[in-house]
Amino acid sequence: MAALLNDREIQAQLSQHPNWTLKGKTIEQTKTFDGFPSAIAFVNALVDPAEAAGHHPDLAISYNRVTITLSTHDAGGLTVQDFDMATVIDQLS
């Protein structure tokens, strides 16, 4: 199981991911697209990297917005895996 990050480590990681916000034991970002098809295309682009990493984001889709929430559920909070996936997600858009 991946090791939980402490508060200092989380803040250091967040400084490298300015589009992400700390929400309790998760990090979150909402992306806005030009329409529903673009939002779904973005979600579909997440499938392969998430599967390859074995780390799947929680997603909420509302027309042209996709809210992505990351946390390592089996560890009970944030780990390096979450920030690695955040980097991948940032590169997709």
C-alpha atoms as a PDB file:
ATOM      1  CA  MET A   1       0.000   0.000   0.000  1.00  0.00           C
ATOM      2  CA  ALA A   2       1.230   3.491  -0.826  1.00  0.00           C
ATOM      3  CA  ALA A   3       2.351   5.680   2.081  1.00  0.00           C
ATOM      4  CA  LEU A   4       0.216   8.647   3.063  1.00  0.00           C
ATOM      5  CA  LEU A   5       1.791  12.058   2.564  1.00  0.00           C
ATOM      6  CA  ASN A   6       2.083  14.380   5.540  1.00  0.00           C
ATOM      7  CA  ASP A   7       0.823  17.980   5.450  1.00  0.00           C
ATOM      8  CA  ARG A   8       4.221  19.391   4.458  1.00  0.00           C
ATOM      9  CA  GLU A   9       4.577  16.881   1.610  1.00  0.00           C
ATOM     10  CA  ILE A  10       1.034  17.612   0.408  1.00  0.00           C
ATOM     11  CA  GLN A  11       1.714  21.358   0.336  1.00  0.00           C
ATOM     12  CA  ALA A  12       4.981  20.785  -1.549  1.00  0.00           C
ATOM     13  CA  GLN A  13       3.138  18.679  -4.128  1.00  0.00           C
ATOM     14  CA  LEU A  14       0.302  21.220  -4.425  1.00  0.00           C
ATOM     15  CA  SER A  15       2.832  23.958  -5.188  1.00  0.00           C
ATOM     16  CA  GLN A  16       3.698  21.972  -8.321  1.00  0.00           C
ATOM     17  CA  HIS A  17       0.017  21.500  -9.238  1.00  0.00           C
ATOM     18  CA  PRO A  18      -1.545  24.991  -9.099  1.00  0.00           C
ATOM     19  CA  ASN A  19      -4.804  23.894 -10.765  1.00  0.00           C
ATOM     20  CA  TRP A  20      -5.603  21.454  -7.976  1.00  0.00           C
ATOM     21  CA  THR A  21      -7.273  22.278  -4.648  1.00  0.00           C
ATOM     22  CA  LEU A  22      -6.991  20.401  -1.389  1.00  0.00           C
ATOM     23  CA  LYS A  23     -10.424  19.209  -0.207  1.00  0.00           C
ATOM     24  CA  GLY A  24     -10.016  17.276   3.028  1.00  0.00           C
ATOM     25  CA  LYS A  25      -8.199  14.057   2.165  1.00  0.00           C
ATOM     26  CA  THR A  26      -8.511  14.622  -1.600  1.00  0.00           C
ATOM     27  CA  ILE A  27      -7.335  16.957  -4.324  1.00  0.00           C
ATOM     28  CA  GLU A  28      -9.821  18.281  -6.841  1.00  0.00           C
ATOM     29  CA  GLN A  29      -9.959  20.176 -10.100  1.00  0.00           C
ATOM     30  CA  THR A  30     -12.855  21.195 -12.344  1.00  0.00           C
ATOM     31  CA  LYS A  31     -12.190  21.506 -16.064  1.00  0.00           C
ATOM     32  CA  THR A  32     -14.558  23.358 -18.383  1.00  0.00           C
ATOM     33  CA  PHE A  33     -14.907  22.400 -22.037  1.00  0.00           C
ATOM     34  CA  ASP A  34     -16.733  23.901 -25.019  1.00  0.00           C
ATOM     35  CA  GLY A  35     -19.532  21.332 -24.804  1.00  0.00           C
ATOM     36  CA  PHE A  36     -20.608  17.891 -23.671  1.00  0.00           C
ATOM     37  CA  PRO A  37     -18.784  15.966 -26.451  1.00  0.00           C
ATOM     38  CA  SER A  38     -15.469  17.609 -25.503  1.00  0.00           C
ATOM     39  CA  ALA A  39     -16.021  16.845 -21.830  1.00  0.00           C
ATOM     40  CA  ILE A  40     -16.702  13.188 -22.622  1.00  0.00           C
ATOM     41  CA  ALA A  41     -13.687  13.021 -24.944  1.00  0.00           C
ATOM     42  CA  PHE A  42     -11.524  14.227 -22.051  1.00  0.00           C
ATOM     43  CA  VAL A  43     -12.986  11.573 -19.734  1.00  0.00           C
ATOM     44  CA  ASN A  44     -12.400   8.900 -22.379  1.00  0.00           C
ATOM     45  CA  ALA A  45      -8.776  10.057 -22.681  1.00  0.00           C
ATOM     46  CA  LEU A  46      -8.357   9.356 -18.947  1.00  0.00           C
ATOM     47  CA  VAL A  47      -9.225   5.677 -19.279  1.00  0.00           C
ATOM     48  CA  ASP A  48      -5.933   4.294 -20.582  1.00  0.00           C
ATOM     49  CA  PRO A  49      -3.592   6.231 -18.239  1.00  0.00           C
ATOM     50  CA  ALA A  50      -5.773   5.438 -15.218  1.00  0.00           C
ATOM     51  CA  GLU A  51      -5.867   1.763 -16.109  1.00  0.00           C
ATOM     52  CA  ALA A  52      -2.115   1.691 -16.732  1.00  0.00           C
ATOM     53  CA  ALA A  53      -1.466   3.284 -13.341  1.00  0.00           C
ATOM     54  CA  GLY A  54      -4.103   1.212 -11.569  1.00  0.00           C
ATOM     55  CA  HIS A  55      -5.277   4.487 -10.056  1.00  0.00           C
ATOM     56  CA  HIS A  56      -8.713   5.780 -10.952  1.00  0.00           C
ATOM     57  CA  PRO A  57     -10.047   9.278 -10.323  1.00  0.00           C
ATOM     58  CA  ASP A  58     -13.555   9.992  -9.108  1.00  0.00           C
ATOM     59  CA  LEU A  59     -15.364  11.945 -11.834  1.00  0.00           C
ATOM     60  CA  ALA A  60     -18.456  14.121 -11.903  1.00  0.00           C
ATOM     61  CA  ILE A  61     -19.693  15.256 -15.315  1.00  0.00           C
ATOM     62  CA  SER A  62     -22.098  18.154 -15.677  1.00  0.00           C
ATOM     63  CA  TYR A  63     -22.627  19.072 -19.335  1.00  0.00           C
ATOM     64  CA  ASN A  64     -19.345  20.840 -20.203  1.00  0.00           C
ATOM     65  CA  ARG A  65     -17.631  20.523 -16.813  1.00  0.00           C
ATOM     66  CA  VAL A  66     -15.709  17.590 -15.402  1.00  0.00           C
ATOM     67  CA  THR A  67     -14.741  17.578 -11.739  1.00  0.00           C
ATOM     68  CA  ILE A  68     -11.854  15.235 -11.011  1.00  0.00           C
ATOM     69  CA  THR A  69     -11.185  14.107  -7.456  1.00  0.00           C
ATOM     70  CA  LEU A  70      -8.099  12.131  -6.493  1.00  0.00           C
ATOM     71  CA  SER A  71      -7.373  10.186  -3.325  1.00  0.00           C
ATOM     72  CA  THR A  72      -5.819   6.825  -2.621  1.00  0.00           C
ATOM     73  CA  HIS A  73      -8.862   5.186  -1.067  1.00  0.00           C
ATOM     74  CA  ASP A  74      -7.130   2.085   0.280  1.00  0.00           C
ATOM     75  CA  ALA A  75      -4.513   4.294   2.011  1.00  0.00           C
ATOM     76  CA  GLY A  76      -7.146   6.632   3.419  1.00  0.00           C
ATOM     77  CA  GLY A  77      -5.849   9.877   1.931  1.00  0.00           C
ATOM     78  CA  LEU A  78      -3.294  11.420  -0.388  1.00  0.00           C
ATOM     79  CA  THR A  79      -0.228   9.602  -1.679  1.00  0.00           C
ATOM     80  CA  VAL A  80       2.337  10.223  -4.393  1.00  0.00           C
ATOM     81  CA  GLN A  81       0.067   8.228  -6.734  1.00  0.00           C
ATOM     82  CA  ASP A  82      -2.528  10.997  -6.574  1.00  0.00           C
ATOM     83  CA  PHE A  83      -0.082  13.691  -7.587  1.00  0.00           C
ATOM     84  CA  ASP A  84       1.399  11.465 -10.300  1.00  0.00           C
ATOM     85  CA  MET A  85      -2.122  11.048 -11.720  1.00  0.00           C
ATOM     86  CA  ALA A  86      -2.715  14.805 -11.384  1.00  0.00           C
ATOM     87  CA  THR A  87       0.347  15.350 -13.585  1.00  0.00           C
ATOM     88  CA  VAL A  88      -1.025  12.947 -16.195  1.00  0.00           C
ATOM     89  CA  ILE A  89      -4.435  14.637 -16.128  1.00  0.00           C
ATOM     90  CA  ASP A  90      -2.858  18.085 -16.505  1.00  0.00           C
ATOM     91  CA  GLN A  91      -0.967  16.862 -19.568  1.00  0.00           C
ATOM     92  CA  LEU A  92      -4.180  15.614 -21.195  1.00  0.00           C
ATOM     93  CA  SER A  93      -5.790  19.024 -21.365  1.00  0.00           C
END
